[in-house]
């Protein structure tokens, strides 16, 4: 059976999306260009988001002391050994807020990346409060020749939760940023965390309809993980009863319920997160890898004979 997204996988998968978009496999190369965030440098707050420690997901080659070119070249070399089929790459600016600099500095960073052979475009992780018309106009011009997507960290639709985790912006600001970005014809992505303190499974399922109404192209979902060296680690140690963690089988069942309610037009980049066990300060899922989790997830979709958007209502 072929689903609305044009292939027989039971969700609108990221890998298939890239095959449709580029006609071949494309791999992201992560870069840390030395950005910070307004809730770290004091303009809105200090300390950053309570769950955040970028060391937990940055590859070993990815450090801001290296130039963008060096990080990309080392990243391509790494991925060419691991994914031999990849001939095209996207420069993924992941760490912190990658539009949080003056436009003239952004141009130097992104123009450098796009001038490297094999780089087909940019994936830019940022915050809703770190974008403006001048920057959007620049990205719009880049998108005429390159693949460009702005990925916004939203994390929750609940303003009380956003305040609790020290995001420094509201959900309404996130919606406004997405709408502005779409007005410039740019692709948009969003990141959400499931299991944040104070949010029940029922609360999150209710958000599926709200999230589905957003002007998005891609979405990422992660289960909550407590990372060493974060403010949330301290909160967890002091008040462990405030946290409810998903066991892996429970999470798969829950996410399928969410997926059934999710807009089928959205490309799902990932539905679970993975960090090295040495970074975990709370319960985890052991040494299981994301591809193994994905296999379990797709097997369960088949067993239940369900798919993304089955219960979706506009």
Protein backbone atom coordinates (compact mmCIF):
# COMPACT_ATOMS: atom_id res chain seq x y z
CA UNK A 1 0.00 0.00 0.00
CA UNK A 2 1.19 3.49 -0.82
CA UNK A 3 0.33 6.22 1.65
CA UNK A 4 -0.26 9.94 0.92
CA UNK A 5 3.49 10.60 1.16
CA UNK A 6 4.19 8.32 -1.81
CA UNK A 7 5.82 5.18 -0.35
CA UNK A 8 4.78 2.12 1.62
CA UNK A 9 6.33 2.94 5.00
CA UNK A 10 3.64 3.66 7.55
CA UNK A 11 4.92 7.12 8.39
CA UNK A 12 6.24 10.03 6.36
CA UNK A 13 9.91 9.21 6.85
CA UNK A 14 12.86 11.58 6.61
CA UNK A 15 15.03 9.26 4.52
CA UNK A 16 12.31 8.78 1.92
CA UNK A 17 11.68 12.53 1.91
CA UNK A 18 15.32 13.13 0.99
CA UNK A 19 15.14 10.54 -1.79
CA UNK A 20 12.13 12.36 -3.22
CA UNK A 21 13.80 15.76 -2.82
CA UNK A 22 17.32 14.95 -4.04
CA UNK A 23 16.85 11.67 -5.91
CA UNK A 24 19.46 10.00 -3.71
CA UNK A 25 20.63 9.54 -0.15
CA UNK A 26 21.69 12.72 1.63
CA UNK A 27 23.54 12.84 4.95
CA UNK A 28 23.68 15.67 7.48
CA UNK A 29 27.09 16.83 8.75
CA UNK A 30 26.91 18.42 12.20
CA UNK A 31 28.74 21.69 12.88
CA UNK A 32 29.29 23.72 16.03
CA UNK A 33 30.00 27.27 14.88
CA UNK A 34 30.35 28.76 18.33
CA UNK A 35 26.89 30.28 18.76
CA UNK A 36 25.18 30.88 22.11
CA UNK A 37 21.55 31.59 23.13
CA UNK A 38 19.71 34.61 24.57
CA UNK A 39 18.80 32.56 27.64
CA UNK A 40 22.50 31.87 28.23
CA UNK A 41 24.25 35.18 27.62
CA UNK A 42 22.03 37.24 29.92
CA UNK A 43 19.91 39.05 27.32
CA UNK A 44 16.91 36.95 28.43
CA UNK A 45 18.42 34.77 31.12
CA UNK A 46 21.39 32.68 32.14
CA UNK A 47 22.04 28.96 32.34
CA UNK A 48 20.20 28.02 29.16
CA UNK A 49 17.45 25.42 28.95
CA UNK A 50 17.42 23.20 32.03
CA UNK A 51 17.81 19.99 29.98
CA UNK A 52 20.57 21.16 27.64
CA UNK A 53 24.13 19.89 27.38
CA UNK A 54 25.32 20.00 23.78
CA UNK A 55 28.28 17.71 24.50
CA UNK A 56 25.79 14.83 24.77
CA UNK A 57 24.97 14.90 21.05
CA UNK A 58 27.89 16.61 19.30
CA UNK A 59 30.16 14.26 17.32
CA UNK A 60 33.81 14.17 18.42
CA UNK A 61 35.00 16.17 15.39
CA UNK A 62 32.45 18.89 16.08
CA UNK A 63 34.07 21.61 18.19
CA UNK A 64 33.90 25.39 17.63
CA UNK A 65 37.69 25.78 17.84
CA UNK A 66 37.82 24.20 14.37
CA UNK A 67 36.74 26.17 11.33
CA UNK A 68 33.44 25.42 9.62
CA UNK A 69 35.38 24.03 6.67
CA UNK A 70 37.46 21.71 8.83
CA UNK A 71 34.41 20.40 10.69
CA UNK A 72 32.55 19.75 7.43
CA UNK A 73 35.49 17.99 5.79
CA UNK A 74 36.02 15.78 8.84
CA UNK A 75 32.30 15.11 9.03
CA UNK A 76 32.11 14.13 5.36
CA UNK A 77 35.09 11.83 5.80
CA UNK A 78 33.39 10.19 8.79
CA UNK A 79 30.09 9.70 6.98
CA UNK A 80 31.69 8.46 3.75
CA UNK A 81 33.17 5.59 5.74
CA UNK A 82 29.93 4.88 7.58
CA UNK A 83 27.41 5.62 4.80
CA UNK A 84 29.12 4.84 1.54
CA UNK A 85 26.04 5.61 -0.50
CA UNK A 86 25.95 9.30 0.49
CA UNK A 87 27.25 11.67 -2.19
CA UNK A 88 25.47 14.82 -1.06
CA UNK A 89 25.54 16.43 2.36
CA UNK A 90 23.69 19.06 4.33
CA UNK A 91 25.59 21.29 6.73
CA UNK A 92 23.71 20.91 10.00
CA UNK A 93 24.23 23.81 12.39
CA UNK A 94 22.90 22.18 15.52
CA UNK A 95 24.51 23.52 18.70
CA UNK A 96 22.66 26.37 20.42
CA UNK A 97 20.92 29.16 18.40
CA UNK A 98 22.43 29.39 14.94
CA UNK A 99 20.85 32.66 13.87
CA UNK A 100 21.89 34.49 17.03
CA UNK A 101 24.54 36.73 15.48
CA UNK A 102 24.49 39.84 13.28
CA UNK A 103 23.66 39.13 9.64
CA UNK A 104 27.16 39.99 8.37
CA UNK A 105 28.62 37.27 10.63
CA UNK A 106 25.96 34.76 9.60
CA UNK A 107 26.76 35.35 5.94
CA UNK A 108 30.43 34.50 6.47
CA UNK A 109 29.54 31.26 8.27
CA UNK A 110 26.87 30.03 5.87
CA UNK A 111 28.57 31.16 2.68
CA UNK A 112 31.69 29.27 3.79
CA UNK A 113 29.66 26.09 4.30
CA UNK A 114 27.84 26.33 0.97
CA UNK A 115 31.09 26.81 -0.94
CA UNK A 116 32.36 23.37 0.09
CA UNK A 117 32.07 20.65 -2.54
CA UNK A 118 29.28 18.19 -1.80
CA UNK A 119 27.25 20.52 0.42
CA UNK A 120 23.75 20.78 -1.03
CA UNK A 121 22.22 22.99 1.61
CA UNK A 122 21.84 24.04 5.24
CA UNK A 123 19.86 22.78 8.22
CA UNK A 124 19.84 25.59 10.77
CA UNK A 125 18.77 24.95 14.34
CA UNK A 126 17.58 28.05 16.18
CA UNK A 127 15.02 29.60 18.51
CA UNK A 128 11.80 31.49 17.72
CA UNK A 129 13.23 34.70 19.21
CA UNK A 130 16.43 34.67 17.14
CA UNK A 131 15.04 35.45 13.70
CA UNK A 132 14.00 38.65 11.93
CA UNK A 133 12.99 39.90 8.49
CA UNK A 134 16.56 40.77 7.45
CA UNK A 135 17.81 37.26 8.20
CA UNK A 136 14.79 35.61 6.63
CA UNK A 137 15.36 37.60 3.44
CA UNK A 138 18.96 36.36 3.34
CA UNK A 139 17.89 32.73 3.80
CA UNK A 140 15.22 33.18 1.15
CA UNK A 141 17.87 34.22 -1.38
CA UNK A 142 20.02 31.24 -0.43
CA UNK A 143 17.04 28.93 -0.91
CA UNK A 144 16.82 29.88 -4.58
CA UNK A 145 19.95 27.78 -5.22
CA UNK A 146 20.26 25.57 -2.14
CA UNK A 147 18.17 23.44 0.20
CA UNK A 148 17.53 25.59 3.29
CA UNK A 149 15.46 24.70 6.35
CA UNK A 150 15.13 26.50 9.68
CA UNK A 151 14.54 24.12 12.59
CA UNK A 152 12.99 25.76 15.63
CA UNK A 153 13.29 24.39 19.13
CA UNK A 154 9.76 24.63 20.49
CA UNK A 155 9.83 21.70 22.96
CA UNK A 156 6.30 22.16 24.34
CA UNK A 157 3.00 23.88 23.54
CA UNK A 158 2.51 24.67 27.24
CA UNK A 159 3.79 28.06 28.40
CA UNK A 160 4.06 26.92 32.02
CA UNK A 161 6.36 24.12 30.88
CA UNK A 162 8.43 26.48 28.73
CA UNK A 163 8.90 28.76 31.72
CA UNK A 164 9.82 25.83 33.95
CA UNK A 165 12.56 24.64 31.58
CA UNK A 166 13.89 28.19 31.12
CA UNK A 167 13.21 28.45 27.38
CA UNK A 168 12.78 32.21 27.54
CA UNK A 169 10.02 32.33 24.91
CA UNK A 170 6.35 31.44 24.67
CA UNK A 171 4.54 29.02 22.41
CA UNK A 172 2.83 31.99 20.75
CA UNK A 173 6.26 33.39 19.83
CA UNK A 174 7.12 30.04 18.26
CA UNK A 175 3.96 30.08 16.14
CA UNK A 176 4.72 33.65 15.04
CA UNK A 177 8.28 32.71 14.02
CA UNK A 178 7.05 29.73 11.99
CA UNK A 179 4.44 31.85 10.22
CA UNK A 180 7.00 34.57 9.40
CA UNK A 181 9.44 31.98 8.06
CA UNK A 182 6.74 30.47 5.84
CA UNK A 183 5.88 33.93 4.49
CA UNK A 184 9.37 33.96 2.96
CA UNK A 185 8.75 30.59 1.31
CA UNK A 186 11.28 28.81 3.53
CA UNK A 187 11.09 25.26 4.83
CA UNK A 188 10.44 24.91 8.53
CA UNK A 189 11.11 22.24 11.13
CA UNK A 190 10.33 21.95 14.84
CA UNK A 191 11.61 19.97 17.82
CA UNK A 192 9.49 18.74 20.74
CA UNK A 193 10.32 16.82 23.91
CA UNK A 194 7.87 14.28 25.32
CA UNK A 195 7.80 13.71 29.08
CA UNK A 196 8.81 17.12 30.42
CA UNK A 197 7.96 17.61 34.12
CA UNK A 198 4.31 18.48 34.66
CA UNK A 199 3.07 17.05 31.35
CA UNK A 200 1.12 13.79 31.25
CA UNK A 201 0.68 11.49 28.26
CA UNK A 202 -2.89 12.74 27.99
CA UNK A 203 -1.67 16.35 27.86
CA UNK A 204 0.76 15.54 25.06
CA UNK A 205 -1.79 13.61 23.01
CA UNK A 206 -4.09 16.62 23.15
CA UNK A 207 -1.27 18.71 21.65
CA UNK A 208 -1.17 16.55 18.52
CA UNK A 209 -3.97 18.57 16.92
CA UNK A 210 -2.33 21.88 17.83
CA UNK A 211 1.07 20.79 16.51
CA UNK A 212 -0.59 19.46 13.34
CA UNK A 213 -1.96 22.92 12.61
CA UNK A 214 1.49 24.55 12.56
CA UNK A 215 3.13 25.61 9.24
CA UNK A 216 5.74 22.85 9.34
CA UNK A 217 7.58 20.65 6.86
CA UNK A 218 9.50 18.42 9.28
CA UNK A 219 9.20 17.47 12.95
CA UNK A 220 11.49 15.85 15.53
CA UNK A 221 10.34 14.26 18.75
CA UNK A 222 12.54 13.12 21.63
CA UNK A 223 11.69 11.39 24.89
CA UNK A 224 12.93 13.23 27.96
CA UNK A 225 16.42 12.21 29.03
CA UNK A 226 18.25 13.61 32.06
CA UNK A 227 21.73 14.66 30.95
CA UNK A 228 24.66 15.06 33.31
CA UNK A 229 25.78 18.60 34.01
CA UNK A 230 22.35 20.17 33.46
CA UNK A 231 20.05 22.10 35.77
CA UNK A 232 17.47 19.38 35.21
CA UNK A 233 19.84 16.80 36.65
CA UNK A 234 19.88 18.78 39.90
CA UNK A 235 16.08 19.12 39.82
CA UNK A 236 15.72 15.38 39.24
CA UNK A 237 18.02 14.49 42.14
CA UNK A 238 16.16 16.85 44.47
CA UNK A 239 12.62 15.97 43.35
CA UNK A 240 12.64 12.59 41.55
CA UNK A 241 8.91 12.08 42.09
CA UNK A 242 8.20 15.03 39.77
CA UNK A 243 9.49 12.99 36.82
CA UNK A 244 7.77 10.19 34.93
CA UNK A 245 9.95 8.44 32.37
CA UNK A 246 8.82 6.28 29.47
CA UNK A 247 9.90 2.67 29.29
CA UNK A 248 10.73 1.79 25.68
CA UNK A 249 7.65 -0.45 24.98
CA UNK A 250 5.44 2.17 26.64
CA UNK A 251 6.96 4.94 24.54
CA UNK A 252 6.43 3.04 21.28
CA UNK A 253 2.76 2.50 22.13
CA UNK A 254 2.36 6.13 23.15
CA UNK A 255 4.10 7.53 20.09
CA UNK A 256 1.95 5.43 17.77
CA UNK A 257 -1.13 6.98 19.38
CA UNK A 258 0.40 10.41 18.79
CA UNK A 259 1.43 9.57 15.24
CA UNK A 260 -2.09 8.48 14.35
CA UNK A 261 -3.24 12.02 15.20
CA UNK A 262 -0.35 13.82 13.48
CA UNK A 263 -0.70 15.71 10.21
CA UNK A 264 0.32 13.23 7.46
CA UNK A 265 1.99 16.06 5.52
CA UNK A 266 4.68 16.39 8.19
CA UNK A 267 7.93 14.56 7.55
CA UNK A 268 8.94 12.81 10.79
CA UNK A 269 12.70 13.09 11.14
CA UNK A 270 12.90 11.17 14.40
CA UNK A 271 10.60 10.05 17.16
CA UNK A 272 13.17 9.22 19.85
CA UNK A 273 16.52 10.55 21.02
CA UNK A 274 19.80 8.78 21.62
CA UNK A 275 22.70 9.94 23.77
CA UNK A 276 25.78 8.00 24.90
CA UNK A 277 25.01 6.22 28.22
CA UNK A 278 27.93 8.02 29.90
CA UNK A 279 25.93 11.27 29.67
CA UNK A 280 22.75 9.92 31.27
CA UNK A 281 21.91 10.94 34.83
CA UNK A 282 18.48 9.29 34.87
CA UNK A 283 16.70 6.21 33.53
CA UNK A 284 17.51 5.19 29.96
CA UNK A 285 16.85 2.41 27.48
CA UNK A 286 20.25 0.73 27.67
CA UNK A 287 22.54 0.30 24.70
CA UNK A 288 19.79 -0.01 22.07
CA UNK A 289 20.43 2.17 19.01
CA UNK A 290 17.99 4.39 17.14
CA UNK A 291 17.84 2.07 14.13
CA UNK A 292 16.87 -0.83 16.41
CA UNK A 293 14.17 1.30 18.04
CA UNK A 294 12.92 2.28 14.59
CA UNK A 295 12.62 -1.39 13.62
CA UNK A 296 10.54 -2.10 16.72
CA UNK A 297 8.39 0.94 16.02
CA UNK A 298 7.67 0.00 12.40
CA UNK A 299 6.99 -3.62 13.36
CA UNK A 300 4.42 -2.45 15.89
CA UNK A 301 2.78 -0.16 13.32
CA UNK A 302 2.36 -3.20 11.08
CA UNK A 303 0.98 -5.34 13.92
CA UNK A 304 -1.61 -2.67 14.71
CA UNK A 305 -2.27 -2.02 11.00
CA UNK A 306 -2.07 1.71 11.58
CA UNK A 307 -0.16 4.68 10.15
CA UNK A 308 0.60 8.38 10.49
CA UNK A 309 -2.51 10.52 10.30
CA UNK A 310 -5.04 7.69 10.55
CA UNK A 311 -7.00 9.68 13.15
CA UNK A 312 -5.91 13.12 11.93
CA UNK A 313 -8.61 15.78 11.66
CA UNK A 314 -7.98 19.24 10.25
